[in-house]
Amino acid sequence: MPHPFYDSKEWKRLRSKVKAKWKALGLPCGECGVPIDWNAKPIVDHIVPRREAPERALDVSNLQVVCHGCNTRRAHGIAPAVQTGADGFPEGWGS
């Protein structure tokens, strides 16, 4: 059962906004840098997990779009997080 946070209107609205911006800018996966396959339904991921920084749950600078493989690796603690700027995008990837 998903956490109620992920069913909230605020999260769904922000998630859509982040995906739309990444897609419009043609940004790659925030973890591996591979072009995102938008047909594979990429995931908006918290760079610093919600359990560690609940106050940043809706902070765009703490969000990145990742492919399913990277999301799975991150969930298991394998892939390192990418640092983002205040605009929520990895440094050097535009805004």
N, C-alpha and C. Protein backbone atom coordinates (compact mmCIF):
# COMPACT_ATOMS: atom_id res chain seq x y z
N MET A 1 0.84 -1.17 0.00
CA MET A 1 0.00 0.00 0.00
C MET A 1 0.89 1.24 0.00
N PRO A 2 0.68 2.16 -0.95
CA PRO A 2 1.51 3.37 -1.01
C PRO A 2 1.29 4.28 0.20
N HIS A 3 2.31 5.04 0.51
CA HIS A 3 2.23 6.01 1.59
C HIS A 3 1.25 7.11 1.19
N PRO A 4 0.44 7.62 2.11
CA PRO A 4 -0.54 8.67 1.77
C PRO A 4 0.09 9.90 1.12
N PHE A 5 1.35 10.17 1.43
CA PHE A 5 2.03 11.32 0.81
C PHE A 5 1.96 11.23 -0.71
N TYR A 6 2.19 10.03 -1.25
CA TYR A 6 2.25 9.86 -2.70
C TYR A 6 0.87 9.94 -3.36
N ASP A 7 -0.18 9.94 -2.57
CA ASP A 7 -1.53 10.14 -3.10
C ASP A 7 -2.01 11.58 -2.93
N SER A 8 -1.20 12.42 -2.31
CA SER A 8 -1.62 13.80 -2.06
C SER A 8 -1.64 14.62 -3.34
N LYS A 9 -2.55 15.57 -3.39
CA LYS A 9 -2.65 16.47 -4.55
C LYS A 9 -1.36 17.26 -4.73
N GLU A 10 -0.77 17.69 -3.62
CA GLU A 10 0.45 18.48 -3.69
C GLU A 10 1.58 17.71 -4.37
N TRP A 11 1.76 16.43 -3.96
CA TRP A 11 2.82 15.62 -4.54
C TRP A 11 2.54 15.35 -6.01
N LYS A 12 1.33 14.98 -6.35
CA LYS A 12 0.99 14.67 -7.74
C LYS A 12 1.19 15.88 -8.64
N ARG A 13 0.83 17.06 -8.16
CA ARG A 13 1.00 18.29 -8.94
C ARG A 13 2.49 18.60 -9.13
N LEU A 14 3.28 18.50 -8.06
CA LEU A 14 4.71 18.79 -8.16
C LEU A 14 5.41 17.75 -9.01
N ARG A 15 5.07 16.50 -8.85
CA ARG A 15 5.66 15.42 -9.65
C ARG A 15 5.42 15.67 -11.15
N SER A 16 4.22 16.05 -11.50
CA SER A 16 3.90 16.34 -12.91
C SER A 16 4.70 17.52 -13.43
N LYS A 17 4.83 18.54 -12.60
CA LYS A 17 5.58 19.74 -12.99
C LYS A 17 7.06 19.40 -13.21
N VAL A 18 7.64 18.61 -12.32
CA VAL A 18 9.05 18.24 -12.43
C VAL A 18 9.27 17.40 -13.69
N LYS A 19 8.41 16.41 -13.92
CA LYS A 19 8.54 15.57 -15.12
C LYS A 19 8.43 16.41 -16.39
N ALA A 20 7.46 17.32 -16.42
CA ALA A 20 7.25 18.15 -17.61
C ALA A 20 8.47 19.01 -17.89
N LYS A 21 9.08 19.57 -16.85
CA LYS A 21 10.24 20.43 -17.04
C LYS A 21 11.44 19.61 -17.53
N TRP A 22 11.69 18.46 -16.92
CA TRP A 22 12.81 17.61 -17.34
C TRP A 22 12.62 17.16 -18.78
N LYS A 23 11.38 16.79 -19.14
CA LYS A 23 11.11 16.33 -20.50
C LYS A 23 11.31 17.46 -21.50
N ALA A 24 10.79 18.66 -21.18
CA ALA A 24 10.92 19.81 -22.07
C ALA A 24 12.38 20.19 -22.30
N LEU A 25 13.20 20.04 -21.27
CA LEU A 25 14.62 20.38 -21.38
C LEU A 25 15.46 19.22 -21.92
N GLY A 26 14.84 18.07 -22.08
CA GLY A 26 15.57 16.90 -22.59
C GLY A 26 16.65 16.41 -21.64
N LEU A 27 16.40 16.55 -20.34
CA LEU A 27 17.40 16.13 -19.35
C LEU A 27 17.46 14.62 -19.22
N PRO A 28 18.65 14.08 -18.98
CA PRO A 28 18.80 12.64 -18.79
C PRO A 28 18.46 12.23 -17.36
N CYS A 29 18.52 10.95 -17.11
CA CYS A 29 18.30 10.42 -15.76
C CYS A 29 19.22 11.15 -14.78
N GLY A 30 18.66 11.57 -13.67
CA GLY A 30 19.42 12.30 -12.67
C GLY A 30 20.49 11.47 -11.99
N GLU A 31 20.48 10.17 -12.15
CA GLU A 31 21.48 9.30 -11.54
C GLU A 31 22.54 8.86 -12.54
N CYS A 32 22.13 8.22 -13.63
CA CYS A 32 23.10 7.60 -14.54
C CYS A 32 23.43 8.46 -15.75
N GLY A 33 22.62 9.49 -16.02
CA GLY A 33 22.89 10.38 -17.14
C GLY A 33 22.45 9.84 -18.50
N VAL A 34 21.80 8.68 -18.52
CA VAL A 34 21.31 8.10 -19.77
C VAL A 34 20.01 8.81 -20.15
N PRO A 35 19.80 9.05 -21.46
CA PRO A 35 18.54 9.69 -21.86
C PRO A 35 17.33 8.94 -21.29
N ILE A 36 16.35 9.70 -20.86
CA ILE A 36 15.17 9.12 -20.25
C ILE A 36 14.21 8.60 -21.32
N ASP A 37 13.74 7.38 -21.13
CA ASP A 37 12.71 6.80 -21.98
C ASP A 37 11.37 7.17 -21.34
N TRP A 38 10.73 8.20 -21.88
CA TRP A 38 9.50 8.70 -21.28
C TRP A 38 8.35 7.71 -21.41
N ASN A 39 8.46 6.74 -22.33
CA ASN A 39 7.43 5.70 -22.45
C ASN A 39 7.54 4.68 -21.32
N ALA A 40 8.69 4.63 -20.66
CA ALA A 40 8.91 3.68 -19.56
C ALA A 40 8.48 4.26 -18.21
N LYS A 41 7.81 5.40 -18.22
CA LYS A 41 7.30 6.03 -17.00
C LYS A 41 8.39 6.23 -15.95
N PRO A 42 9.31 7.16 -16.20
CA PRO A 42 10.37 7.43 -15.22
C PRO A 42 9.78 7.93 -13.90
N ILE A 43 10.61 7.95 -12.90
CA ILE A 43 10.18 8.23 -11.53
C ILE A 43 10.76 9.54 -11.04
N VAL A 44 9.93 10.33 -10.36
CA VAL A 44 10.43 11.51 -9.67
C VAL A 44 10.87 11.02 -8.29
N ASP A 45 12.14 11.24 -8.01
CA ASP A 45 12.80 10.67 -6.84
C ASP A 45 13.28 11.77 -5.91
N HIS A 46 13.18 11.52 -4.62
CA HIS A 46 13.75 12.44 -3.62
C HIS A 46 15.25 12.16 -3.53
N ILE A 47 16.05 13.18 -3.72
CA ILE A 47 17.51 13.02 -3.63
C ILE A 47 17.88 12.67 -2.19
N VAL A 48 17.42 13.48 -1.25
CA VAL A 48 17.55 13.15 0.16
C VAL A 48 16.20 12.52 0.53
N PRO A 49 16.20 11.26 0.93
CA PRO A 49 14.94 10.57 1.20
C PRO A 49 14.03 11.31 2.18
N ARG A 50 12.74 11.15 1.97
CA ARG A 50 11.74 11.81 2.83
C ARG A 50 11.94 11.45 4.30
N ARG A 51 12.32 10.21 4.56
CA ARG A 51 12.48 9.81 5.98
C ARG A 51 13.64 10.54 6.64
N GLU A 52 14.61 10.99 5.86
CA GLU A 52 15.76 11.72 6.40
C GLU A 52 15.51 13.23 6.44
N ALA A 53 14.68 13.73 5.54
CA ALA A 53 14.41 15.17 5.48
C ALA A 53 12.95 15.40 5.10
N PRO A 54 12.03 15.08 6.00
CA PRO A 54 10.61 15.22 5.66
C PRO A 54 10.22 16.65 5.29
N GLU A 55 10.96 17.62 5.80
CA GLU A 55 10.67 19.02 5.48
C GLU A 55 10.99 19.35 4.02
N ARG A 56 11.73 18.49 3.34
CA ARG A 56 12.10 18.73 1.94
C ARG A 56 11.27 17.87 0.97
N ALA A 57 10.21 17.25 1.46
CA ALA A 57 9.41 16.35 0.65
C ALA A 57 8.83 17.03 -0.59
N LEU A 58 8.50 18.31 -0.50
CA LEU A 58 7.93 19.05 -1.62
C LEU A 58 8.87 20.15 -2.11
N ASP A 59 10.15 20.00 -1.84
CA ASP A 59 11.17 20.96 -2.25
C ASP A 59 11.72 20.53 -3.61
N VAL A 60 11.46 21.33 -4.64
CA VAL A 60 11.87 20.96 -6.00
C VAL A 60 13.38 20.74 -6.11
N SER A 61 14.16 21.40 -5.29
CA SER A 61 15.61 21.22 -5.35
C SER A 61 16.04 19.86 -4.77
N ASN A 62 15.10 19.14 -4.18
CA ASN A 62 15.38 17.81 -3.65
C ASN A 62 14.78 16.71 -4.53
N LEU A 63 14.39 17.07 -5.74
CA LEU A 63 13.77 16.10 -6.64
C LEU A 63 14.57 15.93 -7.92
N GLN A 64 14.54 14.73 -8.45
CA GLN A 64 15.18 14.43 -9.73
C GLN A 64 14.34 13.37 -10.43
N VAL A 65 14.45 13.31 -11.75
CA VAL A 65 13.76 12.28 -12.51
C VAL A 65 14.80 11.19 -12.80
N VAL A 66 14.43 9.96 -12.48
CA VAL A 66 15.35 8.83 -12.67
C VAL A 66 14.65 7.69 -13.41
N CYS A 67 15.47 6.87 -14.06
CA CYS A 67 14.95 5.68 -14.73
C CYS A 67 14.65 4.61 -13.67
N HIS A 68 13.90 3.60 -14.06
CA HIS A 68 13.53 2.55 -13.11
C HIS A 68 14.74 1.82 -12.54
N GLY A 69 15.74 1.57 -13.38
CA GLY A 69 16.94 0.88 -12.90
C GLY A 69 17.64 1.65 -11.81
N CYS A 70 17.80 2.95 -12.02
CA CYS A 70 18.47 3.79 -11.00
C CYS A 70 17.62 3.90 -9.75
N ASN A 71 16.30 3.98 -9.92
CA ASN A 71 15.43 4.06 -8.76
C ASN A 71 15.57 2.80 -7.91
N THR A 72 15.63 1.65 -8.56
CA THR A 72 15.80 0.39 -7.84
C THR A 72 17.15 0.34 -7.14
N ARG A 73 18.21 0.74 -7.84
CA ARG A 73 19.54 0.75 -7.22
C ARG A 73 19.58 1.70 -6.02
N ARG A 74 19.00 2.87 -6.17
CA ARG A 74 18.97 3.83 -5.05
C ARG A 74 18.20 3.26 -3.87
N ALA A 75 17.09 2.59 -4.15
CA ALA A 75 16.28 2.02 -3.08
C ALA A 75 17.07 0.99 -2.27
N HIS A 76 18.03 0.36 -2.94
CA HIS A 76 18.87 -0.63 -2.27
C HIS A 76 20.21 -0.05 -1.82
N GLY A 77 20.36 1.27 -1.94
CA GLY A 77 21.56 1.94 -1.47
C GLY A 77 22.79 1.73 -2.34
N ILE A 78 22.59 1.47 -3.63
CA ILE A 78 23.72 1.18 -4.51
C ILE A 78 24.21 2.40 -5.27
N ALA A 79 23.33 3.21 -5.83
CA ALA A 79 23.72 4.34 -6.66
C ALA A 79 23.86 5.62 -5.81
N PRO A 80 24.89 6.42 -6.05
CA PRO A 80 25.04 7.68 -5.32
C PRO A 80 24.05 8.72 -5.82
N ALA A 81 23.66 9.61 -4.94
CA ALA A 81 22.76 10.70 -5.32
C ALA A 81 23.52 11.77 -6.09
N VAL A 82 22.84 12.43 -6.99
CA VAL A 82 23.39 13.54 -7.75
C VAL A 82 23.02 14.82 -7.02
N GLN A 83 23.97 15.71 -6.84
CA GLN A 83 23.68 16.98 -6.18
C GLN A 83 23.03 17.95 -7.16
N THR A 84 21.99 18.63 -6.72
CA THR A 84 21.30 19.58 -7.57
C THR A 84 21.48 21.00 -7.07
N GLY A 85 21.22 21.94 -7.97
CA GLY A 85 21.25 23.34 -7.62
C GLY A 85 19.90 23.76 -7.04
N ALA A 86 19.76 25.03 -6.74
CA ALA A 86 18.53 25.55 -6.16
C ALA A 86 17.33 25.39 -7.08
N ASP A 87 17.59 25.22 -8.40
CA ASP A 87 16.48 25.06 -9.34
C ASP A 87 15.99 23.62 -9.42
N GLY A 88 16.65 22.69 -8.70
CA GLY A 88 16.22 21.32 -8.67
C GLY A 88 16.82 20.45 -9.75
N PHE A 89 17.76 20.99 -10.52
CA PHE A 89 18.38 20.24 -11.60
C PHE A 89 19.85 20.03 -11.31
N PRO A 90 20.41 18.91 -11.77
CA PRO A 90 21.84 18.67 -11.56
C PRO A 90 22.66 19.82 -12.14
N GLU A 91 23.71 20.17 -11.46
CA GLU A 91 24.59 21.27 -11.89
C GLU A 91 25.00 21.08 -13.35
N GLY A 92 24.93 22.14 -14.13
CA GLY A 92 25.35 22.12 -15.52
C GLY A 92 24.33 21.60 -16.51
N TRP A 93 23.13 21.23 -16.05
CA TRP A 93 22.12 20.67 -16.94
C TRP A 93 21.07 21.71 -17.34
N GLY A 94 21.31 22.95 -17.04
CA GLY A 94 20.37 24.01 -17.44
C GLY A 94 19.24 24.15 -16.45
N SER A 95 18.40 25.13 -16.75
CA SER A 95 17.24 25.36 -15.88
C SER A 95 16.06 25.82 -16.68
